[in-house]
Amino acid sequence: MRLMCLVVAAVSLAFSQQQPVFVQRENSIAIVAGMGVDLVNAPEIVEYVNSTAAYGQTVDDFATAVDFFGGVEFPVGKEWGIKVEHMYLFKSYNFLSRSGATHDFFYAVHAPSLLIQKVVGGEGYFVKMGAGGGYHFGRATETISTFGTSRDYTASGVGLKAEIVGQTAFDENFFGYIGGQLGWEWLGKFLGTDATISLVKTKELRYFYAGLRFGVTYYL
């Protein structure tokens, strides 16, 4: 019985020594990176697709898009910070037109942003609530594979976003990252150099999005 108690005590001691003990660290410069999955509502793009698509090929108002992001967070005191971020969001639609041609419509947005953060820290974690925006750049490609034609378009304008992020410590410097975000983009009408006039050129690249993000944070 005494031997069993000694074994249990030794195992417990070894296990406790393997577990990191986190203390509340100060907020410092951090590098963040990851990816997100978003629900996007782009009403004018949906209108264009549905006005072009054959019966049964129409799309819903909300669609799933993917984004990749990276950035740097800078502390401003104990409870505030600034985040400089670049996000790349993209989405594509593939459908048959009423003429029977196969269409692929792809759009992507480069979204550099500056956010102000409210920082709440605890033992082994940070919670950061931020809001801000920037001037963003979009492009679109419309490919009609049946006819072997492709047209490129661009758009640019203002985007705003808000987010809440949780960062959980893996060790003293390396943290996991999970967050939620809401955003609005007003990038204006599509501009293209193609001589052929497409209905796309009457539309604007504007949309609302809401999504979840997953990634990592490294504190310097």
C-alpha atoms as a PDB file:
ATOM      1  CA  MET A   1       0.000   0.000   0.000  1.00  0.00           C
ATOM      2  CA  ARG A   2       2.823   2.378   0.906  1.00  0.00           C
ATOM      3  CA  LEU A   3       4.569   1.495  -2.389  1.00  0.00           C
ATOM      4  CA  MET A   4       1.403   2.285  -4.355  1.00  0.00           C
ATOM      5  CA  CYS A   5       1.080   5.656  -2.657  1.00  0.00           C
ATOM      6  CA  LEU A   6       4.709   6.446  -3.507  1.00  0.00           C
ATOM      7  CA  VAL A   7       4.138   5.489  -7.170  1.00  0.00           C
ATOM      8  CA  VAL A   8       0.996   7.659  -7.411  1.00  0.00           C
ATOM      9  CA  ALA A   9       2.818  10.572  -5.794  1.00  0.00           C
ATOM     10  CA  ALA A  10       5.783  10.189  -8.187  1.00  0.00           C
ATOM     11  CA  VAL A  11       3.521  10.050 -11.274  1.00  0.00           C
ATOM     12  CA  SER A  12       1.550  13.081 -10.078  1.00  0.00           C
ATOM     13  CA  LEU A  13       4.748  15.018  -9.458  1.00  0.00           C
ATOM     14  CA  ALA A  14       6.137  14.123 -12.909  1.00  0.00           C
ATOM     15  CA  PHE A  15       2.873  15.072 -14.620  1.00  0.00           C
ATOM     16  CA  SER A  16       2.681  18.395 -12.815  1.00  0.00           C
ATOM     17  CA  GLN A  17       6.231  19.198 -13.853  1.00  0.00           C
ATOM     18  CA  GLN A  18       5.349  18.575 -17.510  1.00  0.00           C
ATOM     19  CA  GLN A  19       2.433  20.982 -17.482  1.00  0.00           C
ATOM     20  CA  PRO A  20       3.353  24.615 -18.193  1.00  0.00           C
ATOM     21  CA  VAL A  21       2.328  27.058 -15.514  1.00  0.00           C
ATOM     22  CA  PHE A  22       1.231  30.285 -17.172  1.00  0.00           C
ATOM     23  CA  VAL A  23       1.247  33.662 -15.551  1.00  0.00           C
ATOM     24  CA  GLN A  24      -0.409  36.800 -16.786  1.00  0.00           C
ATOM     25  CA  ARG A  25       2.105  38.259 -19.209  1.00  0.00           C
ATOM     26  CA  GLU A  26       2.213  41.812 -20.472  1.00  0.00           C
ATOM     27  CA  ASN A  27       0.791  42.523 -23.898  1.00  0.00           C
ATOM     28  CA  SER A  28       3.654  42.995 -26.366  1.00  0.00           C
ATOM     29  CA  ILE A  29       4.306  43.117 -30.092  1.00  0.00           C
ATOM     30  CA  ALA A  30       2.778  40.018 -31.696  1.00  0.00           C
ATOM     31  CA  ILE A  31       2.699  38.440 -35.143  1.00  0.00           C
ATOM     32  CA  VAL A  32      -0.586  36.796 -36.163  1.00  0.00           C
ATOM     33  CA  ALA A  33      -1.502  34.593 -39.129  1.00  0.00           C
ATOM     34  CA  GLY A  34      -4.235  32.180 -40.117  1.00  0.00           C
ATOM     35  CA  MET A  35      -7.314  31.583 -42.236  1.00  0.00           C
ATOM     36  CA  GLY A  36     -11.033  32.130 -41.969  1.00  0.00           C
ATOM     37  CA  VAL A  37     -14.342  30.889 -43.347  1.00  0.00           C
ATOM     38  CA  ASP A  38     -16.931  33.577 -44.053  1.00  0.00           C
ATOM     39  CA  LEU A  39     -20.557  33.952 -45.061  1.00  0.00           C
ATOM     40  CA  VAL A  40     -20.640  36.673 -47.718  1.00  0.00           C
ATOM     41  CA  ASN A  41     -23.609  38.624 -49.056  1.00  0.00           C
ATOM     42  CA  ALA A  42     -22.639  40.395 -52.310  1.00  0.00           C
ATOM     43  CA  PRO A  43     -26.043  41.457 -53.686  1.00  0.00           C
ATOM     44  CA  GLU A  44     -24.945  42.907 -57.035  1.00  0.00           C
ATOM     45  CA  ILE A  45     -22.747  39.928 -57.893  1.00  0.00           C
ATOM     46  CA  VAL A  46     -25.590  37.564 -56.973  1.00  0.00           C
ATOM     47  CA  GLU A  47     -27.934  39.631 -59.134  1.00  0.00           C
ATOM     48  CA  TYR A  48     -25.530  39.385 -62.068  1.00  0.00           C
ATOM     49  CA  VAL A  49     -25.081  35.609 -61.710  1.00  0.00           C
ATOM     50  CA  ASN A  50     -28.810  34.973 -61.389  1.00  0.00           C
ATOM     51  CA  SER A  51     -29.651  37.212 -64.360  1.00  0.00           C
ATOM     52  CA  THR A  52     -27.147  35.272 -66.501  1.00  0.00           C
ATOM     53  CA  ALA A  53     -27.567  31.708 -65.222  1.00  0.00           C
ATOM     54  CA  ALA A  54     -29.830  29.096 -66.749  1.00  0.00           C
ATOM     55  CA  TYR A  55     -32.884  27.784 -64.924  1.00  0.00           C
ATOM     56  CA  GLY A  56     -31.814  25.768 -61.886  1.00  0.00           C
ATOM     57  CA  GLN A  57     -28.364  27.392 -61.788  1.00  0.00           C
ATOM     58  CA  THR A  58     -29.246  30.389 -59.616  1.00  0.00           C
ATOM     59  CA  VAL A  59     -27.342  31.027 -56.362  1.00  0.00           C
ATOM     60  CA  ASP A  60     -28.367  32.071 -52.852  1.00  0.00           C
ATOM     61  CA  ASP A  61     -27.886  35.552 -51.396  1.00  0.00           C
ATOM     62  CA  PHE A  62     -25.299  34.249 -48.914  1.00  0.00           C
ATOM     63  CA  ALA A  63     -22.304  32.198 -50.014  1.00  0.00           C
ATOM     64  CA  THR A  64     -19.220  30.741 -48.343  1.00  0.00           C
ATOM     65  CA  ALA A  65     -15.855  32.407 -48.971  1.00  0.00           C
ATOM     66  CA  VAL A  66     -12.343  31.816 -47.637  1.00  0.00           C
ATOM     67  CA  ASP A  67      -9.843  34.354 -46.353  1.00  0.00           C
ATOM     68  CA  PHE A  68      -6.178  34.235 -45.390  1.00  0.00           C
ATOM     69  CA  PHE A  69      -4.728  36.863 -43.075  1.00  0.00           C
ATOM     70  CA  GLY A  70      -1.564  38.059 -41.419  1.00  0.00           C
ATOM     71  CA  GLY A  71      -0.656  41.038 -39.313  1.00  0.00           C
ATOM     72  CA  VAL A  72       1.233  42.632 -36.466  1.00  0.00           C
ATOM     73  CA  GLU A  73      -0.220  43.820 -33.151  1.00  0.00           C
ATOM     74  CA  PHE A  74       1.349  46.704 -31.252  1.00  0.00           C
ATOM     75  CA  PRO A  75       0.505  47.462 -27.587  1.00  0.00           C
ATOM     76  CA  VAL A  76      -0.520  50.985 -26.607  1.00  0.00           C
ATOM     77  CA  GLY A  77      -0.588  50.790 -22.829  1.00  0.00           C
ATOM     78  CA  LYS A  78      -1.917  47.802 -20.865  1.00  0.00           C
ATOM     79  CA  GLU A  79      -5.485  47.889 -22.176  1.00  0.00           C
ATOM     80  CA  TRP A  80      -5.194  49.186 -25.737  1.00  0.00           C
ATOM     81  CA  GLY A  81      -3.423  48.182 -28.900  1.00  0.00           C
ATOM     82  CA  ILE A  82      -3.154  48.726 -32.642  1.00  0.00           C
ATOM     83  CA  LYS A  83      -3.321  45.970 -35.236  1.00  0.00           C
ATOM     84  CA  VAL A  84      -2.049  46.264 -38.811  1.00  0.00           C
ATOM     85  CA  GLU A  85      -3.557  43.470 -40.898  1.00  0.00           C
ATOM     86  CA  HIS A  86      -3.729  42.251 -44.471  1.00  0.00           C
ATOM     87  CA  MET A  87      -6.601  39.955 -45.467  1.00  0.00           C
ATOM     88  CA  TYR A  88      -7.068  38.181 -48.800  1.00  0.00           C
ATOM     89  CA  LEU A  89     -10.682  37.035 -49.359  1.00  0.00           C
ATOM     90  CA  PHE A  90     -11.863  35.181 -52.448  1.00  0.00           C
ATOM     91  CA  LYS A  91     -14.967  33.544 -53.899  1.00  0.00           C
ATOM     92  CA  SER A  92     -15.935  31.919 -57.197  1.00  0.00           C
ATOM     93  CA  TYR A  93     -19.197  30.972 -58.927  1.00  0.00           C
ATOM     94  CA  ASN A  94     -19.436  28.302 -61.622  1.00  0.00           C
ATOM     95  CA  PHE A  95     -22.668  28.052 -63.617  1.00  0.00           C
ATOM     96  CA  LEU A  96     -24.268  27.471 -67.021  1.00  0.00           C
ATOM     97  CA  SER A  97     -25.671  30.517 -68.755  1.00  0.00           C
ATOM     98  CA  ARG A  98     -28.974  30.604 -70.617  1.00  0.00           C
ATOM     99  CA  SER A  99     -27.045  30.156 -73.860  1.00  0.00           C
ATOM    100  CA  GLY A 100     -25.560  26.920 -72.539  1.00  0.00           C
ATOM    101  CA  ALA A 101     -22.059  28.329 -72.047  1.00  0.00           C
ATOM    102  CA  THR A 102     -20.060  27.453 -68.935  1.00  0.00           C
ATOM    103  CA  HIS A 103     -19.220  30.532 -66.863  1.00  0.00           C
ATOM    104  CA  ASP A 104     -16.732  30.916 -64.041  1.00  0.00           C
ATOM    105  CA  PHE A 105     -16.870  34.186 -62.125  1.00  0.00           C
ATOM    106  CA  PHE A 106     -14.090  34.707 -59.581  1.00  0.00           C
ATOM    107  CA  TYR A 107     -13.476  37.717 -57.350  1.00  0.00           C
ATOM    108  CA  ALA A 108     -10.851  38.446 -54.723  1.00  0.00           C
ATOM    109  CA  VAL A 109     -10.124  41.379 -52.426  1.00  0.00           C
ATOM    110  CA  HIS A 110      -6.854  42.515 -50.861  1.00  0.00           C
ATOM    111  CA  ALA A 111      -7.854  44.271 -47.646  1.00  0.00           C
ATOM    112  CA  PRO A 112      -5.097  46.048 -45.675  1.00  0.00           C
ATOM    113  CA  SER A 113      -6.598  47.502 -42.494  1.00  0.00           C
ATOM    114  CA  LEU A 114      -5.706  49.373 -39.329  1.00  0.00           C
ATOM    115  CA  LEU A 115      -7.659  48.396 -36.206  1.00  0.00           C
ATOM    116  CA  ILE A 116      -7.862  49.827 -32.695  1.00  0.00           C
ATOM    117  CA  GLN A 117      -7.990  47.095 -30.059  1.00  0.00           C
ATOM    118  CA  LYS A 118      -9.318  46.891 -26.512  1.00  0.00           C
ATOM    119  CA  VAL A 119      -7.178  44.316 -24.698  1.00  0.00           C
ATOM    120  CA  VAL A 120      -8.200  42.132 -21.751  1.00  0.00           C
ATOM    121  CA  GLY A 121      -5.481  39.846 -20.402  1.00  0.00           C
ATOM    122  CA  GLY A 122      -5.465  37.006 -17.921  1.00  0.00           C
ATOM    123  CA  GLU A 123      -3.437  33.977 -16.887  1.00  0.00           C
ATOM    124  CA  GLY A 124      -2.403  32.392 -20.196  1.00  0.00           C
ATOM    125  CA  TYR A 125      -4.813  34.255 -22.459  1.00  0.00           C
ATOM    126  CA  PHE A 126      -5.770  37.518 -24.149  1.00  0.00           C
ATOM    127  CA  VAL A 127      -9.142  38.719 -25.416  1.00  0.00           C
ATOM    128  CA  LYS A 128      -8.974  41.541 -27.942  1.00  0.00           C
ATOM    129  CA  MET A 129     -11.905  43.510 -29.356  1.00  0.00           C
ATOM    130  CA  GLY A 130     -11.073  45.650 -32.371  1.00  0.00           C
ATOM    131  CA  ALA A 131     -12.582  47.837 -35.068  1.00  0.00           C
ATOM    132  CA  GLY A 132     -11.197  49.776 -37.995  1.00  0.00           C
ATOM    133  CA  GLY A 133     -10.775  49.652 -41.745  1.00  0.00           C
ATOM    134  CA  GLY A 134      -8.776  50.708 -44.755  1.00  0.00           C
ATOM    135  CA  TYR A 135      -8.715  51.268 -48.502  1.00  0.00           C
ATOM    136  CA  HIS A 136      -9.110  47.935 -50.267  1.00  0.00           C
ATOM    137  CA  PHE A 137      -8.479  46.559 -53.746  1.00  0.00           C
ATOM    138  CA  GLY A 138     -10.557  44.000 -55.612  1.00  0.00           C
ATOM    139  CA  ARG A 139     -10.322  42.177 -58.892  1.00  0.00           C
ATOM    140  CA  ALA A 140     -12.600  39.830 -60.785  1.00  0.00           C
ATOM    141  CA  THR A 141     -12.182  37.422 -63.675  1.00  0.00           C
ATOM    142  CA  GLU A 142     -15.095  36.290 -65.829  1.00  0.00           C
ATOM    143  CA  THR A 143     -14.243  33.199 -67.885  1.00  0.00           C
ATOM    144  CA  ILE A 144     -16.576  31.672 -70.483  1.00  0.00           C
ATOM    145  CA  SER A 145     -14.880  28.356 -71.104  1.00  0.00           C
ATOM    146  CA  THR A 146     -17.222  27.284 -73.905  1.00  0.00           C
ATOM    147  CA  PHE A 147     -16.014  30.187 -76.055  1.00  0.00           C
ATOM    148  CA  GLY A 148     -12.505  30.409 -74.606  1.00  0.00           C
ATOM    149  CA  THR A 149     -12.895  34.039 -73.534  1.00  0.00           C
ATOM    150  CA  SER A 150     -11.774  35.705 -70.328  1.00  0.00           C
ATOM    151  CA  ARG A 151     -12.292  39.252 -69.031  1.00  0.00           C
ATOM    152  CA  ASP A 152     -10.606  40.969 -66.091  1.00  0.00           C
ATOM    153  CA  TYR A 153     -12.024  43.733 -63.917  1.00  0.00           C
ATOM    154  CA  THR A 154     -10.857  45.798 -60.957  1.00  0.00           C
ATOM    155  CA  ALA A 155     -12.545  47.802 -58.201  1.00  0.00           C
ATOM    156  CA  SER A 156     -11.343  49.695 -55.147  1.00  0.00           C
ATOM    157  CA  GLY A 157     -12.832  51.469 -52.177  1.00  0.00           C
ATOM    158  CA  VAL A 158     -13.322  51.579 -48.429  1.00  0.00           C
ATOM    159  CA  GLY A 159     -13.839  48.630 -46.123  1.00  0.00           C
ATOM    160  CA  LEU A 160     -14.725  48.520 -42.421  1.00  0.00           C
ATOM    161  CA  LYS A 161     -14.619  45.646 -39.953  1.00  0.00           C
ATOM    162  CA  ALA A 162     -15.061  44.669 -36.311  1.00  0.00           C
ATOM    163  CA  GLU A 163     -13.697  41.581 -34.583  1.00  0.00           C
ATOM    164  CA  ILE A 164     -13.306  39.793 -31.287  1.00  0.00           C
ATOM    165  CA  VAL A 165     -10.309  37.508 -30.803  1.00  0.00           C
ATOM    166  CA  GLY A 166      -9.270  35.007 -28.149  1.00  0.00           C
ATOM    167  CA  GLN A 167      -5.607  33.998 -27.824  1.00  0.00           C
ATOM    168  CA  THR A 168      -4.707  31.015 -25.620  1.00  0.00           C
ATOM    169  CA  ALA A 169      -1.136  30.227 -24.558  1.00  0.00           C
ATOM    170  CA  PHE A 170       0.674  27.112 -25.750  1.00  0.00           C
ATOM    171  CA  ASP A 171       3.865  28.372 -24.139  1.00  0.00           C
ATOM    172  CA  GLU A 172       5.261  31.733 -23.022  1.00  0.00           C
ATOM    173  CA  ASN A 173       5.377  33.210 -26.546  1.00  0.00           C
ATOM    174  CA  PHE A 174       3.259  30.938 -28.770  1.00  0.00           C
ATOM    175  CA  PHE A 175      -0.542  31.326 -28.611  1.00  0.00           C
ATOM    176  CA  GLY A 176      -3.490  29.840 -30.443  1.00  0.00           C
ATOM    177  CA  TYR A 177      -5.896  32.257 -32.177  1.00  0.00           C
ATOM    178  CA  ILE A 178      -9.672  32.021 -32.648  1.00  0.00           C
ATOM    179  CA  GLY A 179     -11.878  34.925 -33.575  1.00  0.00           C
ATOM    180  CA  GLY A 180     -15.084  36.188 -35.110  1.00  0.00           C
ATOM    181  CA  GLN A 181     -15.393  39.080 -37.533  1.00  0.00           C
ATOM    182  CA  LEU A 182     -17.968  41.272 -39.270  1.00  0.00           C
ATOM    183  CA  GLY A 183     -17.145  43.492 -42.222  1.00  0.00           C
ATOM    184  CA  TRP A 184     -18.552  45.750 -44.907  1.00  0.00           C
ATOM    185  CA  GLU A 185     -16.889  46.522 -48.252  1.00  0.00           C
ATOM    186  CA  TRP A 186     -17.772  49.335 -50.671  1.00  0.00           C
ATOM    187  CA  LEU A 187     -15.363  48.940 -53.578  1.00  0.00           C
ATOM    188  CA  GLY A 188     -17.352  50.690 -56.312  1.00  0.00           C
ATOM    189  CA  LYS A 189     -18.122  49.643 -59.882  1.00  0.00           C
ATOM    190  CA  PHE A 190     -16.065  47.121 -61.785  1.00  0.00           C
ATOM    191  CA  LEU A 191     -13.660  48.641 -64.284  1.00  0.00           C
ATOM    192  CA  GLY A 192     -12.348  46.665 -67.248  1.00  0.00           C
ATOM    193  CA  THR A 193     -10.182  47.306 -70.289  1.00  0.00           C
ATOM    194  CA  ASP A 194     -11.958  44.743 -72.464  1.00  0.00           C
ATOM    195  CA  ALA A 195     -13.695  46.370 -75.428  1.00  0.00           C
ATOM    196  CA  THR A 196     -16.658  44.051 -74.989  1.00  0.00           C
ATOM    197  CA  ILE A 197     -19.271  45.542 -72.683  1.00  0.00           C
ATOM    198  CA  SER A 198     -20.359  43.073 -70.038  1.00  0.00           C
ATOM    199  CA  LEU A 199     -23.242  43.422 -67.641  1.00  0.00           C
ATOM    200  CA  VAL A 200     -20.645  42.990 -64.868  1.00  0.00           C
ATOM    201  CA  LYS A 201     -19.394  46.511 -65.596  1.00  0.00           C
ATOM    202  CA  THR A 202     -22.719  47.917 -64.399  1.00  0.00           C
ATOM    203  CA  LYS A 203     -22.293  46.223 -61.011  1.00  0.00           C
ATOM    204  CA  GLU A 204     -20.456  47.182 -57.819  1.00  0.00           C
ATOM    205  CA  LEU A 205     -18.153  45.021 -55.727  1.00  0.00           C
ATOM    206  CA  ARG A 206     -19.803  45.595 -52.374  1.00  0.00           C
ATOM    207  CA  TYR A 207     -20.604  43.010 -49.763  1.00  0.00           C
ATOM    208  CA  PHE A 208     -21.161  42.174 -46.104  1.00  0.00           C
ATOM    209  CA  TYR A 209     -19.364  39.274 -44.455  1.00  0.00           C
ATOM    210  CA  ALA A 210     -19.345  37.430 -41.139  1.00  0.00           C
ATOM    211  CA  GLY A 211     -16.970  34.649 -40.282  1.00  0.00           C
ATOM    212  CA  LEU A 212     -14.765  32.603 -37.981  1.00  0.00           C
ATOM    213  CA  ARG A 213     -10.972  32.668 -38.019  1.00  0.00           C
ATOM    214  CA  PHE A 214      -8.336  30.267 -36.764  1.00  0.00           C
ATOM    215  CA  GLY A 215      -4.609  30.791 -36.549  1.00  0.00           C
ATOM    216  CA  VAL A 216      -1.590  31.374 -34.357  1.00  0.00           C
ATOM    217  CA  THR A 217      -0.002  34.280 -32.524  1.00  0.00           C
ATOM    218  CA  TYR A 218       3.663  34.709 -31.636  1.00  0.00           C
ATOM    219  CA  TYR A 219       4.581  37.296 -28.977  1.00  0.00           C
ATOM    220  CA  LEU A 220       8.013  38.870 -29.309  1.00  0.00           C
END
